[in-house]
N, C-alpha and C. Protein backbone atom coordinates (compact mmCIF):
# COMPACT_ATOMS: atom_id res chain seq x y z
N MET A 1 -6.19 -11.29 7.09
CA MET A 1 -6.08 -10.14 6.40
C MET A 1 -7.43 -9.54 6.43
N ALA A 2 -7.77 -8.34 6.60
CA ALA A 2 -9.09 -7.67 6.35
C ALA A 2 -9.23 -7.27 4.90
N THR A 3 -10.47 -7.22 4.42
CA THR A 3 -10.64 -6.82 3.04
C THR A 3 -11.79 -5.85 3.14
N PHE A 4 -12.01 -5.29 1.95
CA PHE A 4 -13.02 -4.27 1.63
C PHE A 4 -14.12 -4.83 0.91
N GLU A 5 -14.40 -6.15 0.83
CA GLU A 5 -15.24 -6.78 -0.04
C GLU A 5 -16.67 -6.21 0.07
N GLY A 6 -16.94 -5.61 1.22
CA GLY A 6 -18.39 -5.02 1.45
C GLY A 6 -18.60 -3.74 0.69
N LEU A 7 -17.52 -3.21 0.19
CA LEU A 7 -17.66 -1.94 -0.56
C LEU A 7 -18.18 -2.16 -1.95
N ALA A 8 -19.35 -1.57 -2.43
CA ALA A 8 -19.69 -1.85 -3.77
C ALA A 8 -18.78 -1.19 -4.83
N GLY A 9 -18.79 -2.09 -5.93
CA GLY A 9 -17.96 -1.68 -7.05
C GLY A 9 -16.47 -1.82 -6.94
N LEU A 10 -15.94 -2.49 -5.90
CA LEU A 10 -14.48 -2.65 -5.87
C LEU A 10 -14.10 -4.08 -6.26
N GLN A 11 -13.04 -4.06 -6.97
CA GLN A 11 -12.59 -5.34 -7.47
C GLN A 11 -11.01 -5.54 -7.06
N PRO A 12 -10.68 -6.71 -6.36
CA PRO A 12 -9.24 -6.65 -5.92
C PRO A 12 -8.32 -6.96 -7.24
N PHE A 13 -7.11 -6.49 -7.12
CA PHE A 13 -6.11 -6.68 -8.12
C PHE A 13 -5.17 -7.79 -7.74
N SER A 14 -4.69 -8.70 -8.59
CA SER A 14 -3.46 -9.46 -8.26
C SER A 14 -2.32 -8.90 -8.75
N VAL A 15 -1.19 -8.84 -7.92
CA VAL A 15 0.02 -8.41 -8.46
C VAL A 15 0.91 -9.41 -8.49
N PRO A 16 1.78 -9.73 -9.48
CA PRO A 16 2.67 -10.79 -9.60
C PRO A 16 3.77 -10.69 -8.57
N SER A 17 4.15 -11.85 -8.15
CA SER A 17 5.29 -11.96 -7.07
C SER A 17 6.57 -11.15 -7.76
N GLY A 18 7.27 -10.49 -7.10
CA GLY A 18 8.32 -9.83 -7.65
C GLY A 18 8.18 -8.53 -8.30
N ALA A 19 6.92 -8.08 -8.24
CA ALA A 19 6.43 -6.85 -9.08
C ALA A 19 7.08 -5.50 -8.51
N TYR A 20 7.29 -5.66 -7.27
CA TYR A 20 7.83 -4.46 -6.45
C TYR A 20 9.32 -4.65 -6.00
N VAL A 21 9.95 -3.58 -5.95
CA VAL A 21 11.43 -3.68 -5.65
C VAL A 21 11.70 -3.83 -4.21
N LYS A 22 12.69 -4.67 -3.85
CA LYS A 22 13.08 -4.95 -2.46
C LYS A 22 14.25 -3.94 -2.23
N LEU A 23 14.07 -3.03 -1.20
CA LEU A 23 15.13 -2.11 -0.82
C LEU A 23 16.19 -2.90 -0.11
N SER A 24 17.50 -2.35 -0.38
CA SER A 24 18.57 -2.63 0.29
C SER A 24 18.69 -2.00 1.78
N SER A 25 19.38 -2.56 2.79
CA SER A 25 19.49 -1.97 3.96
C SER A 25 19.76 -0.44 3.89
N ASP A 26 20.90 -0.10 3.03
CA ASP A 26 21.22 1.24 2.86
C ASP A 26 20.21 2.19 2.39
N GLN A 27 19.39 1.64 1.42
CA GLN A 27 18.22 2.38 0.83
C GLN A 27 17.15 2.69 2.01
N LEU A 28 16.93 1.66 2.75
CA LEU A 28 15.90 1.81 3.97
C LEU A 28 16.35 2.96 4.83
N ILE A 29 17.76 2.74 5.26
CA ILE A 29 18.31 3.82 6.10
C ILE A 29 18.16 5.19 5.57
N SER A 30 18.45 5.29 4.41
CA SER A 30 18.31 6.62 3.60
C SER A 30 16.94 7.23 3.64
N ALA A 31 15.95 6.25 3.42
CA ALA A 31 14.50 6.57 3.43
C ALA A 31 13.90 7.04 4.79
N THR A 32 14.46 6.37 5.72
CA THR A 32 13.95 6.80 7.10
C THR A 32 14.25 8.18 7.57
N ARG A 33 15.37 8.78 6.77
CA ARG A 33 15.83 10.16 7.15
C ARG A 33 14.77 11.08 6.55
N CYS A 34 14.05 10.72 5.56
CA CYS A 34 13.07 11.47 4.81
C CYS A 34 11.56 11.26 5.22
N GLY A 35 11.41 10.26 5.85
CA GLY A 35 9.90 9.92 6.23
C GLY A 35 9.70 9.75 7.60
N ILE A 36 8.49 9.15 7.80
CA ILE A 36 7.97 9.00 9.09
C ILE A 36 7.53 7.48 9.27
N HIS A 37 7.84 6.89 10.32
CA HIS A 37 7.47 5.49 10.46
C HIS A 37 5.97 5.52 11.08
N ARG A 38 5.26 4.68 10.42
CA ARG A 38 3.78 4.61 10.96
C ARG A 38 3.35 3.18 10.93
N THR A 39 2.43 2.89 11.69
CA THR A 39 1.83 1.52 11.68
C THR A 39 0.40 1.75 11.66
N TYR A 40 -0.26 0.90 10.74
CA TYR A 40 -1.64 0.92 10.35
C TYR A 40 -2.37 -0.15 10.69
N THR A 41 -3.66 -0.07 10.98
CA THR A 41 -4.51 -1.16 11.15
C THR A 41 -4.87 -1.94 9.86
N SER A 42 -5.44 -3.11 9.98
CA SER A 42 -5.66 -3.95 8.86
C SER A 42 -6.82 -3.34 7.82
N THR A 43 -7.59 -2.32 8.29
CA THR A 43 -8.59 -1.81 7.61
C THR A 43 -8.43 -0.40 7.21
N THR A 44 -7.33 0.15 7.37
CA THR A 44 -6.83 1.51 7.15
C THR A 44 -6.79 1.54 5.54
N ARG A 45 -7.38 2.67 4.93
CA ARG A 45 -7.24 2.98 3.43
C ARG A 45 -5.91 3.89 3.48
N LEU A 46 -5.00 3.57 2.73
CA LEU A 46 -3.80 4.38 2.43
C LEU A 46 -4.09 5.36 1.38
N TYR A 47 -4.89 5.16 0.41
CA TYR A 47 -5.14 6.08 -0.74
C TYR A 47 -6.62 5.87 -1.23
N HIS A 48 -7.20 6.96 -1.55
CA HIS A 48 -8.50 6.97 -2.19
C HIS A 48 -8.42 7.40 -3.70
N GLN A 49 -9.24 6.66 -4.57
CA GLN A 49 -9.00 6.79 -6.04
C GLN A 49 -9.34 8.29 -6.36
N SER A 50 -8.55 8.84 -7.22
CA SER A 50 -8.57 10.44 -7.65
C SER A 50 -8.05 11.26 -6.65
N GLU A 51 -7.49 10.85 -5.52
CA GLU A 51 -6.73 11.76 -4.58
C GLU A 51 -5.46 12.23 -5.12
N ARG A 52 -5.39 13.43 -4.94
CA ARG A 52 -4.16 14.08 -5.43
C ARG A 52 -3.05 14.01 -4.31
N GLY A 53 -1.96 14.02 -4.76
CA GLY A 53 -0.70 14.13 -3.73
C GLY A 53 -0.57 12.96 -2.93
N ALA A 54 -0.71 11.85 -3.43
CA ALA A 54 -0.57 10.54 -2.60
C ALA A 54 0.93 10.43 -2.20
N ASP A 55 1.03 9.85 -0.99
CA ASP A 55 2.28 9.53 -0.41
C ASP A 55 2.87 8.39 -1.01
N LEU A 56 4.16 8.30 -0.67
CA LEU A 56 5.02 7.04 -0.94
C LEU A 56 4.86 6.13 0.35
N TYR A 57 4.52 4.90 0.03
CA TYR A 57 4.66 3.97 1.19
C TYR A 57 5.59 2.86 1.10
N ILE A 58 6.41 2.57 2.11
CA ILE A 58 7.41 1.52 2.09
C ILE A 58 6.90 0.48 3.08
N VAL A 59 6.54 -0.67 2.64
CA VAL A 59 5.98 -1.68 3.44
C VAL A 59 7.07 -2.53 4.19
N LEU A 60 7.17 -2.38 5.43
CA LEU A 60 8.31 -3.14 6.11
C LEU A 60 7.93 -4.51 6.45
N SER A 61 6.63 -4.64 6.82
CA SER A 61 5.97 -5.97 7.17
C SER A 61 4.55 -5.96 6.88
N GLY A 62 4.06 -7.12 6.83
CA GLY A 62 2.65 -7.20 6.49
C GLY A 62 2.26 -7.17 5.03
N SER A 63 1.12 -6.75 4.60
CA SER A 63 0.77 -6.69 3.04
C SER A 63 -0.21 -5.59 3.01
N VAL A 64 -0.40 -5.32 1.66
CA VAL A 64 -1.38 -4.17 1.10
C VAL A 64 -2.19 -4.81 0.00
N GLN A 65 -3.62 -4.51 0.14
CA GLN A 65 -4.42 -5.01 -0.99
C GLN A 65 -4.76 -3.76 -1.74
N THR A 66 -4.84 -3.89 -3.14
CA THR A 66 -5.11 -2.92 -4.03
C THR A 66 -6.51 -3.34 -4.67
N PHE A 67 -7.41 -2.21 -4.91
CA PHE A 67 -8.59 -2.45 -5.39
C PHE A 67 -8.93 -1.33 -6.44
N GLY A 68 -9.69 -1.60 -7.41
CA GLY A 68 -10.16 -0.74 -8.53
C GLY A 68 -11.65 -0.84 -8.65
N LEU A 69 -12.21 0.23 -9.23
CA LEU A 69 -13.63 0.24 -9.36
C LEU A 69 -14.06 -0.54 -10.70
N THR A 70 -14.97 -1.47 -10.50
CA THR A 70 -15.52 -2.08 -11.65
C THR A 70 -16.45 -1.21 -12.44
N ARG A 71 -16.60 -1.37 -13.78
CA ARG A 71 -17.45 -0.70 -14.41
C ARG A 71 -18.50 -1.61 -15.20
């Protein structure tokens, strides 16, 4: 998995296992009617801090790393 460790001031967050809801097959089918299926590279940033209007991402496979600024 790629990381953004080279970016100054970023600290990775640990998320406890089970912190996110697993959608049922029916829920995923319903979500596909409203969204767009996309594939991202391992270094793509999905969201930038203080960005307005962030999208909802449903991860079907792979993983996501979250980072916050250290002060």
